[in-house]
């Protein structure tokens, strides 16, 4: 993983940590439930953005290399990884085409 990706992920993780701390404070302060849910959803969106960066990095590095390989086993491994990612996406209820920035 290159340094730019690490920095981006580290920055996002720090943001999420702040969001989680805010969520905990909202619960402690007994804030309005819909406000708490809104904060929770924002955290989930932030986590999804981390997954997007990781997936993009994986595709640009590992899968790209495997798919361009002359070795059929490498190509098959790349295909299986893409299928696994798709299955994980379905398992987590993300079958829709929601874009996360």
C-alpha atoms as a PDB file:
ATOM      1  CA  UNK A   1       0.000   0.000   0.000  1.00  0.00           C
ATOM      2  CA  UNK A   2       1.493   3.333  -0.974  1.00  0.00           C
ATOM      3  CA  UNK A   3       1.952   6.227   1.437  1.00  0.00           C
ATOM      4  CA  UNK A   4      -0.814   8.344  -0.108  1.00  0.00           C
ATOM      5  CA  UNK A   5      -3.379   5.605   0.479  1.00  0.00           C
ATOM      6  CA  UNK A   6      -2.132   5.109   4.049  1.00  0.00           C
ATOM      7  CA  UNK A   7      -2.449   8.847   4.733  1.00  0.00           C
ATOM      8  CA  UNK A   8      -5.959   8.972   3.277  1.00  0.00           C
ATOM      9  CA  UNK A   9      -7.051   5.999   5.365  1.00  0.00           C
ATOM     10  CA  UNK A  10      -5.428   7.331   8.525  1.00  0.00           C
ATOM     11  CA  UNK A  11      -7.185  10.672   8.035  1.00  0.00           C
ATOM     12  CA  UNK A  12     -10.555   8.974   7.546  1.00  0.00           C
ATOM     13  CA  UNK A  13     -10.027   6.775  10.602  1.00  0.00           C
ATOM     14  CA  UNK A  14      -9.361   9.856  12.729  1.00  0.00           C
ATOM     15  CA  UNK A  15     -12.575  11.414  11.438  1.00  0.00           C
ATOM     16  CA  UNK A  16     -14.489   8.235  12.280  1.00  0.00           C
ATOM     17  CA  UNK A  17     -12.981   8.164  15.777  1.00  0.00           C
ATOM     18  CA  UNK A  18     -14.297  11.677  16.308  1.00  0.00           C
ATOM     19  CA  UNK A  19     -17.695  10.672  14.972  1.00  0.00           C
ATOM     20  CA  UNK A  20     -17.829   7.654  17.303  1.00  0.00           C
ATOM     21  CA  UNK A  21     -16.879   9.831  20.268  1.00  0.00           C
ATOM     22  CA  UNK A  22     -19.636  12.210  19.247  1.00  0.00           C
ATOM     23  CA  UNK A  23     -22.091   9.324  19.014  1.00  0.00           C
ATOM     24  CA  UNK A  24     -21.163   8.143  22.491  1.00  0.00           C
ATOM     25  CA  UNK A  25     -21.662  11.659  23.864  1.00  0.00           C
ATOM     26  CA  UNK A  26     -25.040  11.915  22.153  1.00  0.00           C
ATOM     27  CA  UNK A  27     -26.119   8.665  23.809  1.00  0.00           C
ATOM     28  CA  UNK A  28     -24.788   9.773  27.200  1.00  0.00           C
ATOM     29  CA  UNK A  29     -26.625  13.086  26.817  1.00  0.00           C
ATOM     30  CA  UNK A  30     -29.804  11.207  25.843  1.00  0.00           C
ATOM     31  CA  UNK A  31     -30.154  13.164  22.627  1.00  0.00           C
ATOM     32  CA  UNK A  32     -33.115  12.699  20.327  1.00  0.00           C
ATOM     33  CA  UNK A  33     -33.079   9.184  18.842  1.00  0.00           C
ATOM     34  CA  UNK A  34     -33.290  10.357  15.235  1.00  0.00           C
ATOM     35  CA  UNK A  35     -30.252  12.579  15.765  1.00  0.00           C
ATOM     36  CA  UNK A  36     -28.340   9.606  17.154  1.00  0.00           C
ATOM     37  CA  UNK A  37     -29.395   7.476  14.199  1.00  0.00           C
ATOM     38  CA  UNK A  38     -28.242  10.223  11.852  1.00  0.00           C
ATOM     39  CA  UNK A  39     -24.823  10.206  13.503  1.00  0.00           C
ATOM     40  CA  UNK A  40     -24.681   6.416  13.330  1.00  0.00           C
ATOM     41  CA  UNK A  41     -25.506   6.502   9.618  1.00  0.00           C
ATOM     42  CA  UNK A  42     -22.793   9.102   9.044  1.00  0.00           C
ATOM     43  CA  UNK A  43     -20.301   6.759  10.708  1.00  0.00           C
ATOM     44  CA  UNK A  44     -21.436   3.897   8.494  1.00  0.00           C
ATOM     45  CA  UNK A  45     -20.980   6.062   5.416  1.00  0.00           C
ATOM     46  CA  UNK A  46     -17.492   6.996   6.584  1.00  0.00           C
ATOM     47  CA  UNK A  47     -16.635   3.327   7.095  1.00  0.00           C
ATOM     48  CA  UNK A  48     -17.922   2.582   3.603  1.00  0.00           C
ATOM     49  CA  UNK A  49     -15.584   5.253   2.258  1.00  0.00           C
ATOM     50  CA  UNK A  50     -12.658   3.379   3.817  1.00  0.00           C
ATOM     51  CA  UNK A  51     -13.796   0.196   2.112  1.00  0.00           C
ATOM     52  CA  UNK A  52     -14.003   2.050  -1.183  1.00  0.00           C
ATOM     53  CA  UNK A  53     -10.411   3.305  -0.888  1.00  0.00           C
ATOM     54  CA  UNK A  54      -9.192  -0.171   0.075  1.00  0.00           C
ATOM     55  CA  UNK A  55     -11.080  -1.788  -2.782  1.00  0.00           C
ATOM     56  CA  UNK A  56      -9.774   0.743  -5.279  1.00  0.00           C
ATOM     57  CA  UNK A  57      -6.228   0.149  -4.060  1.00  0.00           C
ATOM     58  CA  UNK A  58      -6.670  -3.613  -4.284  1.00  0.00           C
ATOM     59  CA  UNK A  59      -8.040  -3.444  -7.824  1.00  0.00           C
ATOM     60  CA  UNK A  60      -5.328  -1.049  -9.014  1.00  0.00           C
ATOM     61  CA  UNK A  61      -2.537  -3.158  -7.559  1.00  0.00           C
ATOM     62  CA  UNK A  62      -3.233  -6.824  -6.882  1.00  0.00           C
ATOM     63  CA  UNK A  63      -6.120  -7.562  -9.233  1.00  0.00           C
ATOM     64  CA  UNK A  64      -4.616  -5.563 -12.063  1.00  0.00           C
ATOM     65  CA  UNK A  65      -1.391  -7.545 -11.744  1.00  0.00           C
ATOM     66  CA  UNK A  66      -3.189 -10.881 -11.461  1.00  0.00           C
ATOM     67  CA  UNK A  67      -5.464 -10.228 -14.443  1.00  0.00           C
ATOM     68  CA  UNK A  68      -2.535  -9.283 -16.672  1.00  0.00           C
ATOM     69  CA  UNK A  69      -0.577 -12.374 -15.672  1.00  0.00           C
ATOM     70  CA  UNK A  70       0.207 -15.144 -18.130  1.00  0.00           C
ATOM     71  CA  UNK A  71      -0.344 -17.563 -15.253  1.00  0.00           C
ATOM     72  CA  UNK A  72      -3.888 -18.911 -15.394  1.00  0.00           C
ATOM     73  CA  UNK A  73      -3.875 -19.515 -11.623  1.00  0.00           C
ATOM     74  CA  UNK A  74      -3.284 -15.791 -11.021  1.00  0.00           C
ATOM     75  CA  UNK A  75      -6.161 -14.867 -13.305  1.00  0.00           C
ATOM     76  CA  UNK A  76      -8.438 -17.402 -11.611  1.00  0.00           C
ATOM     77  CA  UNK A  77      -7.464 -16.036  -8.176  1.00  0.00           C
ATOM     78  CA  UNK A  78      -8.395 -12.522  -9.337  1.00  0.00           C
ATOM     79  CA  UNK A  79     -11.762 -13.735 -10.592  1.00  0.00           C
ATOM     80  CA  UNK A  80     -12.435 -15.538  -7.303  1.00  0.00           C
ATOM     81  CA  UNK A  81     -11.519 -12.410  -5.342  1.00  0.00           C
ATOM     82  CA  UNK A  82     -13.968 -10.335  -7.385  1.00  0.00           C
ATOM     83  CA  UNK A  83     -16.707 -12.905  -6.791  1.00  0.00           C
ATOM     84  CA  UNK A  84     -15.919 -12.916  -3.067  1.00  0.00           C
ATOM     85  CA  UNK A  85     -16.110  -9.110  -2.952  1.00  0.00           C
ATOM     86  CA  UNK A  86     -19.471  -9.229  -4.701  1.00  0.00           C
ATOM     87  CA  UNK A  87     -20.757 -11.826  -2.237  1.00  0.00           C
ATOM     88  CA  UNK A  88     -19.546  -9.766   0.732  1.00  0.00           C
ATOM     89  CA  UNK A  89     -21.322  -6.765  -0.717  1.00  0.00           C
ATOM     90  CA  UNK A  90     -24.570  -8.709  -1.028  1.00  0.00           C
ATOM     91  CA  UNK A  91     -24.182 -10.206   2.449  1.00  0.00           C
ATOM     92  CA  UNK A  92     -23.848  -6.733   3.925  1.00  0.00           C
ATOM     93  CA  UNK A  93     -26.979  -5.498   2.185  1.00  0.00           C
ATOM     94  CA  UNK A  94     -25.191  -3.229  -0.266  1.00  0.00           C
ATOM     95  CA  UNK A  95     -26.728  -4.572  -3.440  1.00  0.00           C
ATOM     96  CA  UNK A  96     -27.838  -1.120  -4.546  1.00  0.00           C
ATOM     97  CA  UNK A  97     -25.548   1.146  -6.498  1.00  0.00           C
ATOM     98  CA  UNK A  98     -24.957   3.700  -3.736  1.00  0.00           C
ATOM     99  CA  UNK A  99     -21.876   5.780  -4.377  1.00  0.00           C
ATOM    100  CA  UNK A 100     -19.845   6.819  -1.366  1.00  0.00           C
ATOM    101  CA  UNK A 101     -17.369   9.678  -1.646  1.00  0.00           C
END
